[in-house]
Amino acid sequence: MKIPVRQCAACRGRFEKRELLRIVRTPDGRIVPDEKGKTPGRGVYICRKEECLNKALRQNALSRALEAPVPPDTEETLRRIITEGNDG
């Protein structure tokens, strides 16, 4: 069975889909993290590393891929998810 592979929007590395964090622009226009990988909408993937999130935000890679600006509260949610995920 083939394992799905996706590319990080920041470092451009290719990883198994489950290793990455998916961020989605939902059909109603909200931008949300999608930890289950099932939310409908336009998605982009990033590594679960703070440096990749910072790079993606700094270079507007998420906004370009999602075709919408990433709200500050969503940025904070993404930082919390990545930070908490790296604690364990």
C-alpha atoms as a PDB file:
ATOM      1  CA  MET A   1       0.000   0.000   0.000  1.00  0.00           C
ATOM      2  CA  LYS A   2       1.347   3.423  -0.966  1.00  0.00           C
ATOM      3  CA  ILE A   3       1.795   6.005   1.774  1.00  0.00           C
ATOM      4  CA  PRO A   4       0.570   9.503   0.782  1.00  0.00           C
ATOM      5  CA  VAL A   5       3.394  12.056   0.561  1.00  0.00           C
ATOM      6  CA  ARG A   6       2.994  15.841   0.694  1.00  0.00           C
ATOM      7  CA  GLN A   7       5.370  18.794   0.425  1.00  0.00           C
ATOM      8  CA  CYS A   8       5.957  21.352   3.183  1.00  0.00           C
ATOM      9  CA  ALA A   9       5.094  24.862   1.953  1.00  0.00           C
ATOM     10  CA  ALA A  10       8.083  26.308   3.839  1.00  0.00           C
ATOM     11  CA  CYS A  11      11.094  23.982   3.531  1.00  0.00           C
ATOM     12  CA  ARG A  12       9.767  22.179   0.429  1.00  0.00           C
ATOM     13  CA  GLY A  13      10.700  18.826   1.959  1.00  0.00           C
ATOM     14  CA  ARG A  14       8.567  15.808   1.098  1.00  0.00           C
ATOM     15  CA  PHE A  15       7.123  13.863   4.022  1.00  0.00           C
ATOM     16  CA  GLU A  16       4.422  11.358   4.801  1.00  0.00           C
ATOM     17  CA  LYS A  17       1.099  13.148   5.002  1.00  0.00           C
ATOM     18  CA  ARG A  18       0.559  12.204   8.664  1.00  0.00           C
ATOM     19  CA  GLU A  19       3.845  13.876   9.697  1.00  0.00           C
ATOM     20  CA  LEU A  20       2.672  17.286   8.468  1.00  0.00           C
ATOM     21  CA  LEU A  21       0.100  19.789   9.686  1.00  0.00           C
ATOM     22  CA  ARG A  22      -2.625  20.639   7.171  1.00  0.00           C
ATOM     23  CA  ILE A  23      -4.092  24.128   7.120  1.00  0.00           C
ATOM     24  CA  VAL A  24      -7.374  24.633   5.259  1.00  0.00           C
ATOM     25  CA  ARG A  25      -9.407  27.465   3.801  1.00  0.00           C
ATOM     26  CA  THR A  26     -12.912  26.131   4.274  1.00  0.00           C
ATOM     27  CA  PRO A  27     -15.688  26.710   1.712  1.00  0.00           C
ATOM     28  CA  ASP A  28     -17.048  29.497   3.965  1.00  0.00           C
ATOM     29  CA  GLY A  29     -13.649  31.263   3.917  1.00  0.00           C
ATOM     30  CA  ARG A  30     -12.310  30.457   7.392  1.00  0.00           C
ATOM     31  CA  ILE A  31      -8.672  29.379   7.724  1.00  0.00           C
ATOM     32  CA  VAL A  32      -8.282  26.571  10.235  1.00  0.00           C
ATOM     33  CA  PRO A  33      -5.755  23.888  11.205  1.00  0.00           C
ATOM     34  CA  ASP A  34      -6.890  20.439  10.114  1.00  0.00           C
ATOM     35  CA  GLU A  35      -5.206  17.884  12.373  1.00  0.00           C
ATOM     36  CA  LYS A  36      -7.388  15.021  11.117  1.00  0.00           C
ATOM     37  CA  GLY A  37      -6.790  15.815   7.431  1.00  0.00           C
ATOM     38  CA  LYS A  38     -10.488  15.510   6.589  1.00  0.00           C
ATOM     39  CA  THR A  39     -11.817  19.091   6.573  1.00  0.00           C
ATOM     40  CA  PRO A  40     -13.159  20.059   3.141  1.00  0.00           C
ATOM     41  CA  GLY A  41     -11.535  22.998   1.414  1.00  0.00           C
ATOM     42  CA  ARG A  42      -8.262  24.190  -0.076  1.00  0.00           C
ATOM     43  CA  GLY A  43      -5.339  22.845   1.961  1.00  0.00           C
ATOM     44  CA  VAL A  44      -1.642  23.417   2.414  1.00  0.00           C
ATOM     45  CA  TYR A  45       0.841  21.396   4.464  1.00  0.00           C
ATOM     46  CA  ILE A  46       3.715  22.456   6.719  1.00  0.00           C
ATOM     47  CA  CYS A  47       6.189  20.583   8.894  1.00  0.00           C
ATOM     48  CA  ARG A  48       5.382  20.479  12.580  1.00  0.00           C
ATOM     49  CA  LYS A  49       8.430  22.650  13.301  1.00  0.00           C
ATOM     50  CA  GLU A  50       8.372  26.212  14.549  1.00  0.00           C
ATOM     51  CA  GLU A  51      11.027  27.272  12.025  1.00  0.00           C
ATOM     52  CA  CYS A  52       8.887  26.017   9.120  1.00  0.00           C
ATOM     53  CA  LEU A  53       5.821  27.848  10.423  1.00  0.00           C
ATOM     54  CA  ASN A  54       7.844  31.053  10.851  1.00  0.00           C
ATOM     55  CA  LYS A  55       9.283  30.739   7.343  1.00  0.00           C
ATOM     56  CA  ALA A  56       5.873  30.003   5.791  1.00  0.00           C
ATOM     57  CA  LEU A  57       4.366  33.067   7.495  1.00  0.00           C
ATOM     58  CA  ARG A  58       7.339  35.334   6.740  1.00  0.00           C
ATOM     59  CA  GLN A  59       7.307  34.397   3.042  1.00  0.00           C
ATOM     60  CA  ASN A  60       3.486  34.435   2.813  1.00  0.00           C
ATOM     61  CA  ALA A  61       3.582  30.836   1.572  1.00  0.00           C
ATOM     62  CA  LEU A  62       0.397  29.926   3.466  1.00  0.00           C
ATOM     63  CA  SER A  63      -1.520  32.967   2.217  1.00  0.00           C
ATOM     64  CA  ARG A  64      -0.457  32.277  -1.384  1.00  0.00           C
ATOM     65  CA  ALA A  65      -1.337  28.588  -1.221  1.00  0.00           C
ATOM     66  CA  LEU A  66      -4.681  29.246   0.463  1.00  0.00           C
ATOM     67  CA  GLU A  67      -5.406  32.298  -1.704  1.00  0.00           C
ATOM     68  CA  ALA A  68      -6.380  34.233   1.443  1.00  0.00           C
ATOM     69  CA  PRO A  69      -4.600  36.058   4.283  1.00  0.00           C
ATOM     70  CA  VAL A  70      -3.937  34.061   7.454  1.00  0.00           C
ATOM     71  CA  PRO A  71      -5.584  35.849  10.418  1.00  0.00           C
ATOM     72  CA  PRO A  72      -3.410  36.575  13.487  1.00  0.00           C
ATOM     73  CA  ASP A  73      -5.590  34.383  15.728  1.00  0.00           C
ATOM     74  CA  THR A  74      -5.053  31.453  13.345  1.00  0.00           C
ATOM     75  CA  GLU A  75      -1.286  32.099  13.444  1.00  0.00           C
ATOM     76  CA  GLU A  76      -1.403  31.841  17.245  1.00  0.00           C
ATOM     77  CA  THR A  77      -3.435  28.626  17.079  1.00  0.00           C
ATOM     78  CA  LEU A  78      -0.888  27.108  14.669  1.00  0.00           C
ATOM     79  CA  ARG A  79       1.994  28.129  16.962  1.00  0.00           C
ATOM     80  CA  ARG A  80       0.252  26.517  19.941  1.00  0.00           C
ATOM     81  CA  ILE A  81      -0.398  23.268  18.044  1.00  0.00           C
ATOM     82  CA  ILE A  82       3.221  23.030  16.894  1.00  0.00           C
ATOM     83  CA  THR A  83       4.675  23.992  20.303  1.00  0.00           C
ATOM     84  CA  GLU A  84       2.471  21.538  22.202  1.00  0.00           C
ATOM     85  CA  GLY A  85       3.193  18.817  19.675  1.00  0.00           C
ATOM     86  CA  ASN A  86       6.935  19.219  20.154  1.00  0.00           C
ATOM     87  CA  ASP A  87       6.758  19.046  23.968  1.00  0.00           C
ATOM     88  CA  GLY A  88       5.971  15.351  24.052  1.00  0.00           C
END
